């Protein structure tokens, strides 16, 4: 699916997604990524939902977002709360969506200038 969205001022924008990956600022990513509203897109190690570990969510916490939009892949799946407990303890919001919904929601929040981070699970 292609999105047509105004570019947030100095921020990242997800312009497209499909079964093979996501495009951030026109650049394709075919593996899981962390997309902060501003700054560098970061590779994220998990390649399958079953591989998620607390350390993956600690990497998110280190980027200090206000809100995390977790894209669980092609279908909606909820990770165990024990995995993302550190985010809650740090008072970081955490929302779970399928990949398509996470991309759309991230773009809306980023365009509003919110300190949002998309954690997108791309399963190969």
C-alpha atoms as a PDB file:
ATOM      1  CA  UNK A   1       0.000   0.000   0.000  1.00  0.00           C
ATOM      2  CA  UNK A   2       1.276   3.491  -0.822  1.00  0.00           C
ATOM      3  CA  UNK A   3       0.695   6.468   1.453  1.00  0.00           C
ATOM      4  CA  UNK A   4       0.502  10.081   0.390  1.00  0.00           C
ATOM      5  CA  UNK A   5       1.429  12.220   3.401  1.00  0.00           C
ATOM      6  CA  UNK A   6       2.958  15.604   4.008  1.00  0.00           C
ATOM      7  CA  UNK A   7       6.511  15.291   5.303  1.00  0.00           C
ATOM      8  CA  UNK A   8       6.807  16.065   8.998  1.00  0.00           C
ATOM      9  CA  UNK A   9       9.297  18.878   9.590  1.00  0.00           C
ATOM     10  CA  UNK A  10      12.659  17.159   9.963  1.00  0.00           C
ATOM     11  CA  UNK A  11      11.049  13.880  10.986  1.00  0.00           C
ATOM     12  CA  UNK A  12      10.747  10.396   9.598  1.00  0.00           C
ATOM     13  CA  UNK A  13       7.804   9.270   7.503  1.00  0.00           C
ATOM     14  CA  UNK A  14       6.748   5.771   6.463  1.00  0.00           C
ATOM     15  CA  UNK A  15       5.826   6.152   2.823  1.00  0.00           C
ATOM     16  CA  UNK A  16       4.959   2.544   1.981  1.00  0.00           C
ATOM     17  CA  UNK A  17       4.682  -0.965   3.364  1.00  0.00           C
ATOM     18  CA  UNK A  18       3.998  -4.403   1.955  1.00  0.00           C
ATOM     19  CA  UNK A  19       4.748  -8.048   2.779  1.00  0.00           C
ATOM     20  CA  UNK A  20       8.474  -7.522   2.068  1.00  0.00           C
ATOM     21  CA  UNK A  21       9.121  -4.464   4.216  1.00  0.00           C
ATOM     22  CA  UNK A  22       8.627  -0.763   4.825  1.00  0.00           C
ATOM     23  CA  UNK A  23       9.917   2.387   3.173  1.00  0.00           C
ATOM     24  CA  UNK A  24      11.029   5.150   5.522  1.00  0.00           C
ATOM     25  CA  UNK A  25      11.792   8.481   3.865  1.00  0.00           C
ATOM     26  CA  UNK A  26      11.842   6.621   0.542  1.00  0.00           C
ATOM     27  CA  UNK A  27      14.422   4.052   1.730  1.00  0.00           C
ATOM     28  CA  UNK A  28      13.391   0.367   1.754  1.00  0.00           C
ATOM     29  CA  UNK A  29      13.878  -1.744   4.886  1.00  0.00           C
ATOM     30  CA  UNK A  30      13.350  -5.498   4.528  1.00  0.00           C
ATOM     31  CA  UNK A  31      14.146  -6.441   8.132  1.00  0.00           C
ATOM     32  CA  UNK A  32      12.708  -5.307  11.459  1.00  0.00           C
ATOM     33  CA  UNK A  33      13.401  -1.664  12.323  1.00  0.00           C
ATOM     34  CA  UNK A  34      12.914   0.984  14.981  1.00  0.00           C
ATOM     35  CA  UNK A  35      11.683   4.244  13.464  1.00  0.00           C
ATOM     36  CA  UNK A  36      11.901   7.245  15.808  1.00  0.00           C
ATOM     37  CA  UNK A  37       9.958  10.340  14.797  1.00  0.00           C
ATOM     38  CA  UNK A  38      13.298  12.120  14.387  1.00  0.00           C
ATOM     39  CA  UNK A  39      16.750  10.700  13.871  1.00  0.00           C
ATOM     40  CA  UNK A  40      18.263   7.564  12.438  1.00  0.00           C
ATOM     41  CA  UNK A  41      16.231   4.458  11.604  1.00  0.00           C
ATOM     42  CA  UNK A  42      17.778   1.596  13.591  1.00  0.00           C
ATOM     43  CA  UNK A  43      17.927  -2.085  12.668  1.00  0.00           C
ATOM     44  CA  UNK A  44      16.059  -4.201  15.231  1.00  0.00           C
ATOM     45  CA  UNK A  45      17.231  -7.820  15.713  1.00  0.00           C
ATOM     46  CA  UNK A  46      14.015  -9.895  15.942  1.00  0.00           C
ATOM     47  CA  UNK A  47      13.007 -11.478  12.643  1.00  0.00           C
ATOM     48  CA  UNK A  48      10.103 -13.517  14.042  1.00  0.00           C
ATOM     49  CA  UNK A  49       7.495 -12.804  16.697  1.00  0.00           C
ATOM     50  CA  UNK A  50       8.647 -15.839  18.672  1.00  0.00           C
ATOM     51  CA  UNK A  51      12.172 -14.373  18.946  1.00  0.00           C
ATOM     52  CA  UNK A  52      11.096 -11.306  20.935  1.00  0.00           C
ATOM     53  CA  UNK A  53      13.081 -10.897  24.175  1.00  0.00           C
ATOM     54  CA  UNK A  54      13.076  -8.255  26.939  1.00  0.00           C
ATOM     55  CA  UNK A  55      16.408  -6.960  25.570  1.00  0.00           C
ATOM     56  CA  UNK A  56      14.653  -5.980  22.330  1.00  0.00           C
ATOM     57  CA  UNK A  57      12.326  -3.718  24.286  1.00  0.00           C
ATOM     58  CA  UNK A  58      15.192  -2.342  26.391  1.00  0.00           C
ATOM     59  CA  UNK A  59      16.736  -1.136  23.104  1.00  0.00           C
ATOM     60  CA  UNK A  60      13.505   0.777  22.483  1.00  0.00           C
ATOM     61  CA  UNK A  61      13.576   2.273  25.972  1.00  0.00           C
ATOM     62  CA  UNK A  62      17.127   3.531  25.369  1.00  0.00           C
ATOM     63  CA  UNK A  63      15.780   5.745  22.552  1.00  0.00           C
ATOM     64  CA  UNK A  64      13.533   7.499  25.101  1.00  0.00           C
ATOM     65  CA  UNK A  65      10.245   7.769  23.173  1.00  0.00           C
ATOM     66  CA  UNK A  66       7.019   9.067  24.675  1.00  0.00           C
ATOM     67  CA  UNK A  67       4.990   6.376  22.909  1.00  0.00           C
ATOM     68  CA  UNK A  68       5.831   3.122  21.104  1.00  0.00           C
ATOM     69  CA  UNK A  69       3.666   1.783  18.289  1.00  0.00           C
ATOM     70  CA  UNK A  70       4.531  -1.909  17.922  1.00  0.00           C
ATOM     71  CA  UNK A  71       3.739  -3.424  14.521  1.00  0.00           C
ATOM     72  CA  UNK A  72       3.454  -7.171  15.198  1.00  0.00           C
ATOM     73  CA  UNK A  73       3.718  -8.242  11.551  1.00  0.00           C
ATOM     74  CA  UNK A  74       1.010  -9.089   9.028  1.00  0.00           C
ATOM     75  CA  UNK A  75      -1.439 -10.040  11.775  1.00  0.00           C
ATOM     76  CA  UNK A  76      -2.184  -8.665  15.208  1.00  0.00           C
ATOM     77  CA  UNK A  77      -0.327 -10.507  17.989  1.00  0.00           C
ATOM     78  CA  UNK A  78       0.237  -9.323  21.531  1.00  0.00           C
ATOM     79  CA  UNK A  79       3.666  -9.864  23.103  1.00  0.00           C
ATOM     80  CA  UNK A  80       3.799 -11.007  26.706  1.00  0.00           C
ATOM     81  CA  UNK A  81       3.660  -8.034  29.117  1.00  0.00           C
ATOM     82  CA  UNK A  82       6.830  -9.377  30.747  1.00  0.00           C
ATOM     83  CA  UNK A  83       8.716  -8.478  27.552  1.00  0.00           C
ATOM     84  CA  UNK A  84       7.798  -4.777  27.611  1.00  0.00           C
ATOM     85  CA  UNK A  85       7.512  -4.281  31.373  1.00  0.00           C
ATOM     86  CA  UNK A  86      10.530  -1.918  31.313  1.00  0.00           C
ATOM     87  CA  UNK A  87       8.636   0.446  29.015  1.00  0.00           C
ATOM     88  CA  UNK A  88       5.698   0.639  31.409  1.00  0.00           C
ATOM     89  CA  UNK A  89       8.027   1.187  34.366  1.00  0.00           C
ATOM     90  CA  UNK A  90       9.663   4.054  32.441  1.00  0.00           C
ATOM     91  CA  UNK A  91       6.173   5.513  31.782  1.00  0.00           C
ATOM     92  CA  UNK A  92       6.459   4.975  28.013  1.00  0.00           C
ATOM     93  CA  UNK A  93       3.149   4.295  26.267  1.00  0.00           C
ATOM     94  CA  UNK A  94       2.928   1.019  24.338  1.00  0.00           C
ATOM     95  CA  UNK A  95       0.342   0.198  21.650  1.00  0.00           C
ATOM     96  CA  UNK A  96       0.135  -3.058  19.675  1.00  0.00           C
ATOM     97  CA  UNK A  97      -1.160  -3.158  16.090  1.00  0.00           C
ATOM     98  CA  UNK A  98      -0.610  -5.129  12.924  1.00  0.00           C
ATOM     99  CA  UNK A  99       2.076  -3.695  10.636  1.00  0.00           C
ATOM    100  CA  UNK A 100      -0.300  -1.737   8.380  1.00  0.00           C
ATOM    101  CA  UNK A 101      -2.120  -0.050  11.277  1.00  0.00           C
ATOM    102  CA  UNK A 102       1.168   0.682  13.053  1.00  0.00           C
ATOM    103  CA  UNK A 103       2.545   2.447   9.961  1.00  0.00           C
ATOM    104  CA  UNK A 104      -0.576   4.591   9.572  1.00  0.00           C
ATOM    105  CA  UNK A 105      -0.752   5.465  13.269  1.00  0.00           C
ATOM    106  CA  UNK A 106       2.963   6.269  13.438  1.00  0.00           C
ATOM    107  CA  UNK A 107       2.638   8.697  10.504  1.00  0.00           C
ATOM    108  CA  UNK A 108      -0.277  10.537  12.106  1.00  0.00           C
ATOM    109  CA  UNK A 109       1.481  10.870  15.472  1.00  0.00           C
ATOM    110  CA  UNK A 110       4.827  11.844  13.906  1.00  0.00           C
ATOM    111  CA  UNK A 111       3.115  14.481  11.747  1.00  0.00           C
ATOM    112  CA  UNK A 112       1.766  15.999  14.973  1.00  0.00           C
ATOM    113  CA  UNK A 113       5.332  16.274  16.287  1.00  0.00           C
ATOM    114  CA  UNK A 114       4.844  13.580  18.933  1.00  0.00           C
ATOM    115  CA  UNK A 115       7.922  11.763  20.249  1.00  0.00           C
ATOM    116  CA  UNK A 116       6.700   8.443  18.854  1.00  0.00           C
ATOM    117  CA  UNK A 117       8.714   5.389  17.863  1.00  0.00           C
ATOM    118  CA  UNK A 118       7.524   2.614  15.551  1.00  0.00           C
ATOM    119  CA  UNK A 119       8.908  -0.824  16.402  1.00  0.00           C
ATOM    120  CA  UNK A 120       8.143  -2.728  13.222  1.00  0.00           C
ATOM    121  CA  UNK A 121       8.511  -6.491  13.083  1.00  0.00           C
ATOM    122  CA  UNK A 122       9.287  -7.518   9.496  1.00  0.00           C
ATOM    123  CA  UNK A 123       9.146 -11.294   9.234  1.00  0.00           C
ATOM    124  CA  UNK A 124      11.078 -12.690   6.294  1.00  0.00           C
END
